Amino acid sequence: MRLKTKLVAGAGSLVMATSMMAMAAPAAHAVVTTVGSCTGQVSLVKLSSPVKGVGLTDQTARSVKAVGALAKDQTSKLLVNGGGTCNGIYRAGDKHVPSSAPGGGNTVVGPSALLTQSISLLGNSGCANGATAVAADATANDAYPLNGKITQKWAATYTDLIKLIPKNFTSQAAVSLLGFNPVGPDVVDVGGIVLTGVNAGANVSGNIWEDPVAKTGGASGFNTGYELDLASAAGCADGTPNNANILIVLSGGGGASATSLLGSTTTGLSFKTGE
């Protein structure tokens, strides 16, 4: 199933950030350096629209909302995969954050689990997949990518040099779903930029999987209590209008969540400078 959902996370913020980065862009010969990554996270994202009880359908709808957070294991009630693992760098010179590098360089952060990850998106979208389904999407011209922000709170901490209290590292990014990757029907490539916090200014790249799911009440995929919603997936691919309604999406990538509910394999996300 190829969901037409596009995770752009803050089109307005992304455009502004891209413009600002262009003014300070490195030279064309700059060396591309990987400064961090995030893998193993599993997120549960709920979809809704102005029509109560309707989320993402095979007809492009206006003002679709996607709001999510890290998924929990319904047996242990703990975050799936412990929140996954992230690492990266924090810029030197912040008066609050001590430098861990020799000579006062950038602070190396992680590997660290995530404590929280919030996703908030808004746009016009649908799930029509394939030529037949797309042809039956009467409102396809309304399509506009979901926009918003993804904010993380890391388990890694530092002692604030001014307030003298421990604080958690954080990160906020504007990202874009660039399209489906041929390695799997539910694999999407991701791009964007980190706006603040760990890895600020770095480009985001890699891929994740995202599958429509329905609640089962018991152990299932990643023991989240949700299973693959095959009915909605099929409805997104046929030529019958209004026979799909996706209310929840489970997504992840890399490491412990590299394999999707459909068996596709993903890399997770990496953060790079110099490109």
C-alpha atoms as a PDB file:
ATOM      1  CA  MET A   1       0.000   0.000   0.000  1.00  0.00           C
ATOM      2  CA  ARG A   2       1.358   3.371  -0.924  1.00  0.00           C
ATOM      3  CA  LEU A   3      -0.182   5.990   1.268  1.00  0.00           C
ATOM      4  CA  LYS A   4      -0.419   9.349  -0.408  1.00  0.00           C
ATOM      5  CA  THR A   5       0.114  10.963   2.985  1.00  0.00           C
ATOM      6  CA  LYS A   6       3.040  13.389   2.906  1.00  0.00           C
ATOM      7  CA  LEU A   7       4.854  14.342   6.098  1.00  0.00           C
ATOM      8  CA  VAL A   8       6.257  17.786   5.360  1.00  0.00           C
ATOM      9  CA  ALA A   9       6.294  19.167   8.905  1.00  0.00           C
ATOM     10  CA  GLY A  10       6.014  22.883   8.607  1.00  0.00           C
ATOM     11  CA  ALA A  11       5.918  24.100   5.029  1.00  0.00           C
ATOM     12  CA  GLY A  12       5.984  27.716   6.193  1.00  0.00           C
ATOM     13  CA  SER A  13       8.772  26.978   8.653  1.00  0.00           C
ATOM     14  CA  LEU A  14      10.559  24.823   6.092  1.00  0.00           C
ATOM     15  CA  VAL A  15      10.502  27.534   3.416  1.00  0.00           C
ATOM     16  CA  MET A  16      11.717  30.151   5.879  1.00  0.00           C
ATOM     17  CA  ALA A  17      14.409  27.866   7.264  1.00  0.00           C
ATOM     18  CA  THR A  18      15.564  26.921   3.776  1.00  0.00           C
ATOM     19  CA  SER A  19      15.844  30.591   2.811  1.00  0.00           C
ATOM     20  CA  MET A  20      17.811  31.371   5.948  1.00  0.00           C
ATOM     21  CA  MET A  21      20.114  28.399   5.412  1.00  0.00           C
ATOM     22  CA  ALA A  22      20.764  29.493   1.830  1.00  0.00           C
ATOM     23  CA  MET A  23      22.358  32.693   3.130  1.00  0.00           C
ATOM     24  CA  ALA A  24      24.822  30.668   5.184  1.00  0.00           C
ATOM     25  CA  ALA A  25      25.177  27.711   2.816  1.00  0.00           C
ATOM     26  CA  PRO A  26      28.595  26.057   2.615  1.00  0.00           C
ATOM     27  CA  ALA A  27      30.723  26.273  -0.518  1.00  0.00           C
ATOM     28  CA  ALA A  28      30.004  23.792  -3.292  1.00  0.00           C
ATOM     29  CA  HIS A  29      33.152  21.859  -2.407  1.00  0.00           C
ATOM     30  CA  ALA A  30      32.216  21.493   1.289  1.00  0.00           C
ATOM     31  CA  VAL A  31      32.648  18.001   2.693  1.00  0.00           C
ATOM     32  CA  VAL A  32      29.389  16.260   3.554  1.00  0.00           C
ATOM     33  CA  THR A  33      29.583  15.062   7.157  1.00  0.00           C
ATOM     34  CA  THR A  34      27.112  12.838   8.991  1.00  0.00           C
ATOM     35  CA  VAL A  35      26.694  14.364  12.441  1.00  0.00           C
ATOM     36  CA  GLY A  36      23.900  12.205  13.841  1.00  0.00           C
ATOM     37  CA  SER A  37      21.059   9.765  13.310  1.00  0.00           C
ATOM     38  CA  CYS A  38      17.758   8.519  14.735  1.00  0.00           C
ATOM     39  CA  THR A  39      16.663   4.884  14.487  1.00  0.00           C
ATOM     40  CA  GLY A  40      14.324   2.493  16.270  1.00  0.00           C
ATOM     41  CA  GLN A  41      11.498   4.936  16.987  1.00  0.00           C
ATOM     42  CA  VAL A  42       7.920   3.716  16.439  1.00  0.00           C
ATOM     43  CA  SER A  43       5.260   6.437  16.282  1.00  0.00           C
ATOM     44  CA  LEU A  44       1.475   6.254  16.447  1.00  0.00           C
ATOM     45  CA  VAL A  45      -0.191   9.011  14.409  1.00  0.00           C
ATOM     46  CA  LYS A  46      -3.928   9.722  14.463  1.00  0.00           C
ATOM     47  CA  LEU A  47      -5.627  11.235  11.407  1.00  0.00           C
ATOM     48  CA  SER A  48      -8.760  13.379  11.393  1.00  0.00           C
ATOM     49  CA  SER A  49     -10.681  15.791   9.160  1.00  0.00           C
ATOM     50  CA  PRO A  50     -13.505  18.326   9.578  1.00  0.00           C
ATOM     51  CA  VAL A  51     -15.935  15.400   9.165  1.00  0.00           C
ATOM     52  CA  LYS A  52     -16.235  13.543  12.475  1.00  0.00           C
ATOM     53  CA  GLY A  53     -15.034   9.948  12.257  1.00  0.00           C
ATOM     54  CA  VAL A  54     -13.257  10.483   8.937  1.00  0.00           C
ATOM     55  CA  GLY A  55      -9.473  10.565   8.604  1.00  0.00           C
ATOM     56  CA  LEU A  56      -7.516   9.885   5.421  1.00  0.00           C
ATOM     57  CA  THR A  57      -9.686   8.469   2.612  1.00  0.00           C
ATOM     58  CA  ASP A  58      -9.280   7.596  -1.089  1.00  0.00           C
ATOM     59  CA  GLN A  59     -10.681  11.054  -1.896  1.00  0.00           C
ATOM     60  CA  THR A  60      -8.351  13.994  -1.240  1.00  0.00           C
ATOM     61  CA  ALA A  61      -9.809  15.929   1.698  1.00  0.00           C
ATOM     62  CA  ARG A  62      -9.101  19.432   2.930  1.00  0.00           C
ATOM     63  CA  SER A  63      -7.737  20.201   6.397  1.00  0.00           C
ATOM     64  CA  VAL A  64      -6.622  16.696   7.309  1.00  0.00           C
ATOM     65  CA  LYS A  65      -4.822  16.674  10.663  1.00  0.00           C
ATOM     66  CA  ALA A  66      -2.115  14.244  11.732  1.00  0.00           C
ATOM     67  CA  VAL A  67      -1.175  14.262  15.408  1.00  0.00           C
ATOM     68  CA  GLY A  68       1.100  11.667  16.939  1.00  0.00           C
ATOM     69  CA  ALA A  69       3.646  10.578  19.504  1.00  0.00           C
ATOM     70  CA  LEU A  70       5.928   7.646  20.306  1.00  0.00           C
ATOM     71  CA  ALA A  71       3.994   4.367  20.485  1.00  0.00           C
ATOM     72  CA  LYS A  72       3.793   2.396  23.730  1.00  0.00           C
ATOM     73  CA  ASP A  73       4.060  -1.337  24.305  1.00  0.00           C
ATOM     74  CA  GLN A  74       0.582  -2.304  25.532  1.00  0.00           C
ATOM     75  CA  THR A  75       1.980  -5.081  27.724  1.00  0.00           C
ATOM     76  CA  SER A  76       4.688  -3.164  29.572  1.00  0.00           C
ATOM     77  CA  LYS A  77       3.195   0.324  28.959  1.00  0.00           C
ATOM     78  CA  LEU A  78       6.718   1.459  28.093  1.00  0.00           C
ATOM     79  CA  LEU A  79       7.808   3.156  24.874  1.00  0.00           C
ATOM     80  CA  VAL A  80       8.332   0.718  22.011  1.00  0.00           C
ATOM     81  CA  ASN A  81      12.059  -0.033  21.629  1.00  0.00           C
ATOM     82  CA  GLY A  82      12.689   2.243  24.612  1.00  0.00           C
ATOM     83  CA  GLY A  83      12.086   5.301  22.435  1.00  0.00           C
ATOM     84  CA  GLY A  84      14.689   4.264  19.878  1.00  0.00           C
ATOM     85  CA  THR A  85      18.182   5.761  19.738  1.00  0.00           C
ATOM     86  CA  CYS A  86      19.424   9.174  18.538  1.00  0.00           C
ATOM     87  CA  ASN A  87      22.809  10.868  18.499  1.00  0.00           C
ATOM     88  CA  GLY A  88      24.285  14.108  17.212  1.00  0.00           C
ATOM     89  CA  ILE A  89      26.043  17.356  18.083  1.00  0.00           C
ATOM     90  CA  TYR A  90      25.083  20.558  19.861  1.00  0.00           C
ATOM     91  CA  ARG A  91      26.709  23.800  18.746  1.00  0.00           C
ATOM     92  CA  ALA A  92      29.614  25.259  20.677  1.00  0.00           C
ATOM     93  CA  GLY A  93      29.118  28.666  22.252  1.00  0.00           C
ATOM     94  CA  ASP A  94      25.743  28.191  23.912  1.00  0.00           C
ATOM     95  CA  LYS A  95      26.170  29.827  27.346  1.00  0.00           C
ATOM     96  CA  HIS A  96      23.834  27.276  28.943  1.00  0.00           C
ATOM     97  CA  VAL A  97      25.353  24.070  27.534  1.00  0.00           C
ATOM     98  CA  PRO A  98      28.844  22.897  28.544  1.00  0.00           C
ATOM     99  CA  SER A  99      31.175  21.714  25.792  1.00  0.00           C
ATOM    100  CA  SER A 100      32.231  18.074  25.927  1.00  0.00           C
ATOM    101  CA  ALA A 101      34.827  18.388  23.166  1.00  0.00           C
ATOM    102  CA  PRO A 102      38.539  19.198  23.655  1.00  0.00           C
ATOM    103  CA  GLY A 103      39.235  22.872  23.086  1.00  0.00           C
ATOM    104  CA  GLY A 104      35.614  23.884  23.600  1.00  0.00           C
ATOM    105  CA  GLY A 105      34.169  22.416  20.398  1.00  0.00           C
ATOM    106  CA  ASN A 106      30.651  21.178  19.665  1.00  0.00           C
ATOM    107  CA  THR A 107      29.050  18.971  22.294  1.00  0.00           C
ATOM    108  CA  VAL A 108      28.634  15.327  21.288  1.00  0.00           C
ATOM    109  CA  VAL A 109      25.219  14.048  22.378  1.00  0.00           C
ATOM    110  CA  GLY A 110      24.138  10.415  22.605  1.00  0.00           C
ATOM    111  CA  PRO A 111      23.516   7.681  21.856  1.00  0.00           C
ATOM    112  CA  SER A 112      20.320   8.634  23.651  1.00  0.00           C
ATOM    113  CA  ALA A 113      16.786   7.331  23.819  1.00  0.00           C
ATOM    114  CA  LEU A 114      13.885   9.708  23.201  1.00  0.00           C
ATOM    115  CA  LEU A 115      11.516  10.472  26.073  1.00  0.00           C
ATOM    116  CA  THR A 116       8.907  12.147  23.866  1.00  0.00           C
ATOM    117  CA  GLN A 117       8.302  12.929  20.215  1.00  0.00           C
ATOM    118  CA  SER A 118       5.342  15.040  19.138  1.00  0.00           C
ATOM    119  CA  ILE A 119       4.032  15.299  15.582  1.00  0.00           C
ATOM    120  CA  SER A 120       1.481  17.907  14.493  1.00  0.00           C
ATOM    121  CA  LEU A 121       0.585  18.284  10.808  1.00  0.00           C
ATOM    122  CA  LEU A 122      -2.133  19.870   8.683  1.00  0.00           C
ATOM    123  CA  GLY A 123      -2.851  19.733   4.948  1.00  0.00           C
ATOM    124  CA  ASN A 124      -5.019  18.370   2.112  1.00  0.00           C
ATOM    125  CA  SER A 125      -4.395  14.705   1.435  1.00  0.00           C
ATOM    126  CA  GLY A 126      -5.787  11.301   0.473  1.00  0.00           C
ATOM    127  CA  CYS A 127      -4.591   7.706   0.196  1.00  0.00           C
ATOM    128  CA  ALA A 128      -5.482   6.875  -3.443  1.00  0.00           C
ATOM    129  CA  ASN A 129      -2.782   4.464  -4.664  1.00  0.00           C
ATOM    130  CA  GLY A 130      -2.319   3.362  -8.252  1.00  0.00           C
ATOM    131  CA  ALA A 131      -3.685   4.648 -11.560  1.00  0.00           C
ATOM    132  CA  THR A 132      -7.194   3.246 -11.050  1.00  0.00           C
ATOM    133  CA  ALA A 133      -7.592   4.701  -7.559  1.00  0.00           C
ATOM    134  CA  VAL A 134      -6.058   8.039  -8.504  1.00  0.00           C
ATOM    135  CA  ALA A 135      -8.456   8.335 -11.455  1.00  0.00           C
ATOM    136  CA  ALA A 136     -11.358   7.827  -9.034  1.00  0.00           C
ATOM    137  CA  ASP A 137     -10.124  10.620  -6.720  1.00  0.00           C
ATOM    138  CA  ALA A 138     -12.546  13.387  -7.665  1.00  0.00           C
ATOM    139  CA  THR A 139     -10.777  16.022  -5.555  1.00  0.00           C
ATOM    140  CA  ALA A 140      -7.155  15.204  -6.424  1.00  0.00           C
ATOM    141  CA  ASN A 141      -6.526  18.800  -7.505  1.00  0.00           C
ATOM    142  CA  ASP A 142      -6.980  19.906  -3.871  1.00  0.00           C
ATOM    143  CA  ALA A 143      -3.905  17.928  -2.781  1.00  0.00           C
ATOM    144  CA  TYR A 144      -1.476  19.859  -0.568  1.00  0.00           C
ATOM    145  CA  PRO A 145       1.166  18.282   1.674  1.00  0.00           C
ATOM    146  CA  LEU A 146       0.586  17.924   5.387  1.00  0.00           C
ATOM    147  CA  ASN A 147       2.543  20.663   7.195  1.00  0.00           C
ATOM    148  CA  GLY A 148       3.687  20.959  10.792  1.00  0.00           C
ATOM    149  CA  LYS A 149       6.538  20.228  13.189  1.00  0.00           C
ATOM    150  CA  ILE A 150       8.219  17.285  14.867  1.00  0.00           C
ATOM    151  CA  THR A 151       9.639  18.000  18.317  1.00  0.00           C
ATOM    152  CA  GLN A 152      11.788  15.635  20.399  1.00  0.00           C
ATOM    153  CA  LYS A 153      12.853  15.486  24.036  1.00  0.00           C
ATOM    154  CA  TRP A 154      15.969  13.388  24.551  1.00  0.00           C
ATOM    155  CA  ALA A 155      16.838  11.296  27.596  1.00  0.00           C
ATOM    156  CA  ALA A 156      20.382  12.741  27.491  1.00  0.00           C
ATOM    157  CA  THR A 157      20.850  15.648  29.884  1.00  0.00           C
ATOM    158  CA  TYR A 158      23.265  18.466  30.662  1.00  0.00           C
ATOM    159  CA  THR A 159      23.706  20.803  33.619  1.00  0.00           C
ATOM    160  CA  ASP A 160      22.650  24.327  32.675  1.00  0.00           C
ATOM    161  CA  LEU A 161      25.719  26.504  33.301  1.00  0.00           C
ATOM    162  CA  ILE A 162      23.611  29.548  34.198  1.00  0.00           C
ATOM    163  CA  LYS A 163      20.648  28.075  36.064  1.00  0.00           C
ATOM    164  CA  LEU A 164      22.728  25.204  37.515  1.00  0.00           C
ATOM    165  CA  ILE A 165      19.956  22.651  37.036  1.00  0.00           C
ATOM    166  CA  PRO A 166      19.822  19.494  34.875  1.00  0.00           C
ATOM    167  CA  LYS A 167      17.991  19.784  31.554  1.00  0.00           C
ATOM    168  CA  ASN A 168      17.179  17.423  28.712  1.00  0.00           C
ATOM    169  CA  PHE A 169      18.486  17.995  25.224  1.00  0.00           C
ATOM    170  CA  THR A 170      15.765  18.719  22.673  1.00  0.00           C
ATOM    171  CA  SER A 171      15.423  18.933  18.903  1.00  0.00           C
ATOM    172  CA  GLN A 172      12.848  20.307  16.476  1.00  0.00           C
ATOM    173  CA  ALA A 173      12.803  19.679  12.730  1.00  0.00           C
ATOM    174  CA  ALA A 174      10.859  20.559   9.617  1.00  0.00           C
ATOM    175  CA  VAL A 175      10.829  17.473   7.393  1.00  0.00           C
ATOM    176  CA  SER A 176       9.297  16.414   4.102  1.00  0.00           C
ATOM    177  CA  LEU A 177       8.132  13.075   2.766  1.00  0.00           C
ATOM    178  CA  LEU A 178       9.848  13.108  -0.619  1.00  0.00           C
ATOM    179  CA  GLY A 179       8.000  10.147  -2.145  1.00  0.00           C
ATOM    180  CA  PHE A 180       7.862   6.381  -2.118  1.00  0.00           C
ATOM    181  CA  ASN A 181      11.080   4.377  -2.334  1.00  0.00           C
ATOM    182  CA  PRO A 182      11.017   1.298  -4.628  1.00  0.00           C
ATOM    183  CA  VAL A 183      12.528  -0.887  -1.883  1.00  0.00           C
ATOM    184  CA  GLY A 184       9.024  -1.345  -0.426  1.00  0.00           C
ATOM    185  CA  PRO A 185       5.384  -0.351  -0.990  1.00  0.00           C
ATOM    186  CA  ASP A 186       5.173   1.457   2.352  1.00  0.00           C
ATOM    187  CA  VAL A 187       8.654   3.018   2.402  1.00  0.00           C
ATOM    188  CA  VAL A 188       8.991   6.782   1.994  1.00  0.00           C
ATOM    189  CA  ASP A 189      12.111   8.908   1.611  1.00  0.00           C
ATOM    190  CA  VAL A 190      12.452  11.807   4.032  1.00  0.00           C
ATOM    191  CA  GLY A 191      14.216  15.144   3.674  1.00  0.00           C
ATOM    192  CA  GLY A 192      14.256  18.407   5.589  1.00  0.00           C
ATOM    193  CA  ILE A 193      16.230  20.472   8.067  1.00  0.00           C
ATOM    194  CA  VAL A 194      16.743  20.521  11.840  1.00  0.00           C
ATOM    195  CA  LEU A 195      15.569  23.893  13.113  1.00  0.00           C
ATOM    196  CA  THR A 196      16.716  23.955  16.748  1.00  0.00           C
ATOM    197  CA  GLY A 197      18.485  21.879  19.382  1.00  0.00           C
ATOM    198  CA  VAL A 198      20.664  18.852  18.703  1.00  0.00           C
ATOM    199  CA  ASN A 199      21.893  18.771  15.079  1.00  0.00           C
ATOM    200  CA  ALA A 200      20.473  22.261  14.396  1.00  0.00           C
ATOM    201  CA  GLY A 201      21.121  23.300  10.802  1.00  0.00           C
ATOM    202  CA  ALA A 202      21.776  19.760   9.592  1.00  0.00           C
ATOM    203  CA  ASN A 203      19.931  18.290   6.608  1.00  0.00           C
ATOM    204  CA  VAL A 204      17.619  15.347   7.265  1.00  0.00           C
ATOM    205  CA  SER A 205      17.746  12.310   4.970  1.00  0.00           C
ATOM    206  CA  GLY A 206      16.849   8.603   4.962  1.00  0.00           C
ATOM    207  CA  ASN A 207      13.578   6.696   4.857  1.00  0.00           C
ATOM    208  CA  ILE A 208      10.813   5.383   7.106  1.00  0.00           C
ATOM    209  CA  TRP A 209       7.833   3.066   6.733  1.00  0.00           C
ATOM    210  CA  GLU A 210       4.249   3.996   7.550  1.00  0.00           C
ATOM    211  CA  ASP A 211       1.303   1.602   7.625  1.00  0.00           C
ATOM    212  CA  PRO A 212      -2.425   2.125   8.300  1.00  0.00           C
ATOM    213  CA  VAL A 213      -3.439   0.192  11.403  1.00  0.00           C
ATOM    214  CA  ALA A 214      -6.525  -0.690  13.418  1.00  0.00           C
ATOM    215  CA  LYS A 215      -6.701  -1.311  17.161  1.00  0.00           C
ATOM    216  CA  THR A 216      -6.887  -4.951  18.232  1.00  0.00           C
ATOM    217  CA  GLY A 217      -6.756  -4.612  22.008  1.00  0.00           C
ATOM    218  CA  GLY A 218      -4.056  -7.257  22.266  1.00  0.00           C
ATOM    219  CA  ALA A 219      -0.427  -7.839  21.380  1.00  0.00           C
ATOM    220  CA  SER A 220       0.364  -7.333  17.693  1.00  0.00           C
ATOM    221  CA  GLY A 221       2.867  -5.460  15.553  1.00  0.00           C
ATOM    222  CA  PHE A 222       5.642  -4.192  17.852  1.00  0.00           C
ATOM    223  CA  ASN A 223       3.212  -5.244  20.631  1.00  0.00           C
ATOM    224  CA  THR A 224       1.388  -1.931  20.269  1.00  0.00           C
ATOM    225  CA  GLY A 225      -2.137  -3.365  20.267  1.00  0.00           C
ATOM    226  CA  TYR A 226      -2.543  -2.358  16.614  1.00  0.00           C
ATOM    227  CA  GLU A 227      -2.467  -4.467  13.457  1.00  0.00           C
ATOM    228  CA  LEU A 228      -2.223  -3.710   9.741  1.00  0.00           C
ATOM    229  CA  ASP A 229      -5.528  -2.301   8.418  1.00  0.00           C
ATOM    230  CA  LEU A 230      -5.798  -4.393   5.262  1.00  0.00           C
ATOM    231  CA  ALA A 231      -9.342  -3.248   4.440  1.00  0.00           C
ATOM    232  CA  SER A 232      -8.351   0.408   4.244  1.00  0.00           C
ATOM    233  CA  ALA A 233      -5.161  -0.449   2.369  1.00  0.00           C
ATOM    234  CA  ALA A 234      -7.199  -2.317  -0.266  1.00  0.00           C
ATOM    235  CA  GLY A 235      -9.724   0.520  -0.452  1.00  0.00           C
ATOM    236  CA  CYS A 236      -6.922   2.974  -1.209  1.00  0.00           C
ATOM    237  CA  ALA A 237      -5.840   0.886  -4.202  1.00  0.00           C
ATOM    238  CA  ASP A 238      -9.127   0.091  -5.974  1.00  0.00           C
ATOM    239  CA  GLY A 239     -11.356   2.280  -8.142  1.00  0.00           C
ATOM    240  CA  THR A 240     -14.316   2.462  -5.770  1.00  0.00           C
ATOM    241  CA  PRO A 241     -14.617   5.913  -4.174  1.00  0.00           C
ATOM    242  CA  ASN A 242     -15.136   6.332  -0.436  1.00  0.00           C
ATOM    243  CA  ASN A 243     -14.382   2.766   0.662  1.00  0.00           C
ATOM    244  CA  ALA A 244     -11.235   3.581   2.672  1.00  0.00           C
ATOM    245  CA  ASN A 245     -10.900   5.472   5.919  1.00  0.00           C
ATOM    246  CA  ILE A 246      -7.507   5.539   7.657  1.00  0.00           C
ATOM    247  CA  LEU A 247      -7.679   6.876  11.198  1.00  0.00           C
ATOM    248  CA  ILE A 248      -4.329   5.673  12.561  1.00  0.00           C
ATOM    249  CA  VAL A 249      -0.860   5.197  11.070  1.00  0.00           C
ATOM    250  CA  LEU A 250       2.020   3.321  12.692  1.00  0.00           C
ATOM    251  CA  SER A 251       5.474   4.347  11.450  1.00  0.00           C
ATOM    252  CA  GLY A 252       9.144   3.763  12.154  1.00  0.00           C
ATOM    253  CA  GLY A 253      12.525   3.184  10.605  1.00  0.00           C
ATOM    254  CA  GLY A 254      16.023   1.864  11.118  1.00  0.00           C
ATOM    255  CA  GLY A 255      17.518  -0.244  13.872  1.00  0.00           C
ATOM    256  CA  ALA A 256      14.968  -2.133  15.963  1.00  0.00           C
ATOM    257  CA  SER A 257      12.123  -0.777  13.814  1.00  0.00           C
ATOM    258  CA  ALA A 258      13.796  -1.302  10.429  1.00  0.00           C
ATOM    259  CA  THR A 259      11.173  -3.847   9.339  1.00  0.00           C
ATOM    260  CA  SER A 260       7.601  -2.671   8.725  1.00  0.00           C
ATOM    261  CA  LEU A 261       4.345  -4.545   9.239  1.00  0.00           C
ATOM    262  CA  LEU A 262       4.531  -5.449   5.530  1.00  0.00           C
ATOM    263  CA  GLY A 263       8.111  -6.690   5.792  1.00  0.00           C
ATOM    264  CA  SER A 264       9.766  -3.692   4.111  1.00  0.00           C
ATOM    265  CA  THR A 265      13.164  -2.578   5.403  1.00  0.00           C
ATOM    266  CA  THR A 266      14.060   1.056   6.119  1.00  0.00           C
ATOM    267  CA  THR A 267      17.192   2.953   7.143  1.00  0.00           C
ATOM    268  CA  GLY A 268      15.836   5.469   9.636  1.00  0.00           C
ATOM    269  CA  LEU A 269      17.031   9.087   9.572  1.00  0.00           C
ATOM    270  CA  SER A 270      20.484  10.645   9.378  1.00  0.00           C
ATOM    271  CA  PHE A 271      21.601  14.262   9.842  1.00  0.00           C
ATOM    272  CA  LYS A 272      24.279  15.737   7.613  1.00  0.00           C
ATOM    273  CA  THR A 273      26.102  19.040   7.215  1.00  0.00           C
ATOM    274  CA  GLY A 274      27.950  20.390   4.194  1.00  0.00           C
ATOM    275  CA  GLU A 275      25.253  19.640   1.599  1.00  0.00           C
END
